[in-house]
Structures are given as C-alpha cells and as structure tokens.
Amino acid sequence: MIYSGNVRLTVTQPDSASRSIARIAEAFGGYPNQISTERVVIRVKAADLDAVIAAIARLGKVQSREI
C-alpha cells in the first residue's frame, strides 16, 4: 500500500530542518527523494509513516498535516 502525506512546518532554521528530515527518513529505513529549504520529499515504508510524521512534527510548529 502507498500513502502520500504532507506536513507543513514553521521552523527557525530551514536548512537544518531539511537535513534533519532526511536523517529521520534514513533512521526509518527510508531515503530523501528531494531536498530544498522549502520542500523535502522523503520515501518511507507505509508501516512507519505515523512515526516518521510524529518525528518530523517535533522539528517545528505544525501548520497543517494531510495523509
């Protein structure tokens, strides 16, 4: 099964947050697909999606979340 999700965050250091999101994906056996200061696209297993989103949400203030 494939899911698609979006989390919009407000962070104080976009470059650092982008790298952190890539590391979170890798920690869950996934990988970054696209990285910029405005957008990060990662691929992770569907079974890990909730945990990955929770970890990413801790990086800043969540403005929106869609799964």
Protein backbone atom coordinates (compact mmCIF):
# COMPACT_ATOMS: atom_id res chain seq x y z
CA MET A 1 0.00 0.00 0.00
CA ILE A 2 1.24 3.51 -0.81
CA TYR A 3 0.32 6.59 1.19
CA SER A 4 1.09 10.21 0.48
CA GLY A 5 1.31 12.77 3.23
CA ASN A 6 2.13 16.44 3.68
CA VAL A 7 3.29 18.18 6.81
CA ARG A 8 3.75 21.94 6.69
CA LEU A 9 6.06 23.26 9.41
CA THR A 10 7.31 26.59 10.61
CA VAL A 11 10.94 26.22 11.68
CA THR A 12 13.63 28.66 12.77
CA GLN A 13 16.42 27.07 10.70
CA PRO A 14 15.13 25.67 7.38
CA ASP A 15 18.49 24.23 6.24
CA SER A 16 18.94 22.36 9.50
CA ALA A 17 15.33 21.14 9.46
CA SER A 18 15.72 19.83 5.90
CA ARG A 19 18.79 17.82 6.88
CA SER A 20 17.01 16.56 10.00
CA ILE A 21 14.04 15.35 7.94
CA ALA A 22 16.41 13.45 5.64
CA ARG A 23 18.06 11.83 8.68
CA ILE A 24 14.65 10.88 10.10
CA ALA A 25 13.74 9.14 6.84
CA GLU A 26 17.06 7.27 6.85
CA ALA A 27 16.62 6.25 10.50
CA PHE A 28 13.39 4.52 9.48
CA GLY A 29 14.98 2.76 6.52
CA GLY A 30 13.75 5.33 4.00
CA TYR A 31 15.51 7.96 1.96
CA PRO A 32 15.23 11.59 0.89
CA ASN A 33 13.95 11.98 -2.67
CA GLN A 34 14.12 15.79 -2.96
CA ILE A 35 15.65 18.33 -0.57
CA SER A 36 15.47 22.13 -0.54
CA THR A 37 14.92 24.71 2.18
CA GLU A 38 11.26 24.99 1.18
CA ARG A 39 10.37 21.38 0.49
CA VAL A 40 11.61 17.93 1.42
CA VAL A 41 10.23 14.79 -0.20
CA ILE A 42 11.05 11.51 1.51
CA ARG A 43 10.15 7.87 0.93
CA VAL A 44 9.46 5.59 3.90
CA LYS A 45 7.59 2.34 4.48
CA ALA A 46 3.84 2.76 4.96
CA ALA A 47 4.08 0.98 8.32
CA ASP A 48 6.45 3.71 9.57
CA LEU A 49 4.52 6.70 8.25
CA ASP A 50 2.86 7.73 11.53
CA ALA A 51 6.12 7.51 13.48
CA VAL A 52 8.02 9.44 10.80
CA ILE A 53 5.41 12.20 10.72
CA ALA A 54 5.48 12.43 14.52
CA ALA A 55 9.28 12.77 14.47
CA ILE A 56 9.14 15.44 11.76
CA ALA A 57 6.42 17.34 13.63
CA ARG A 58 8.78 17.74 16.60
CA LEU A 59 11.13 19.85 14.45
CA GLY A 60 8.87 22.92 14.43
CA LYS A 61 5.33 24.22 14.66
CA VAL A 62 2.93 22.18 12.53
CA GLN A 63 0.84 24.44 10.29
CA SER A 64 -1.01 21.63 8.52
CA ARG A 65 -0.97 17.87 8.15
CA GLU A 66 -2.62 15.74 5.45
CA ILE A 67 -2.43 11.97 4.93
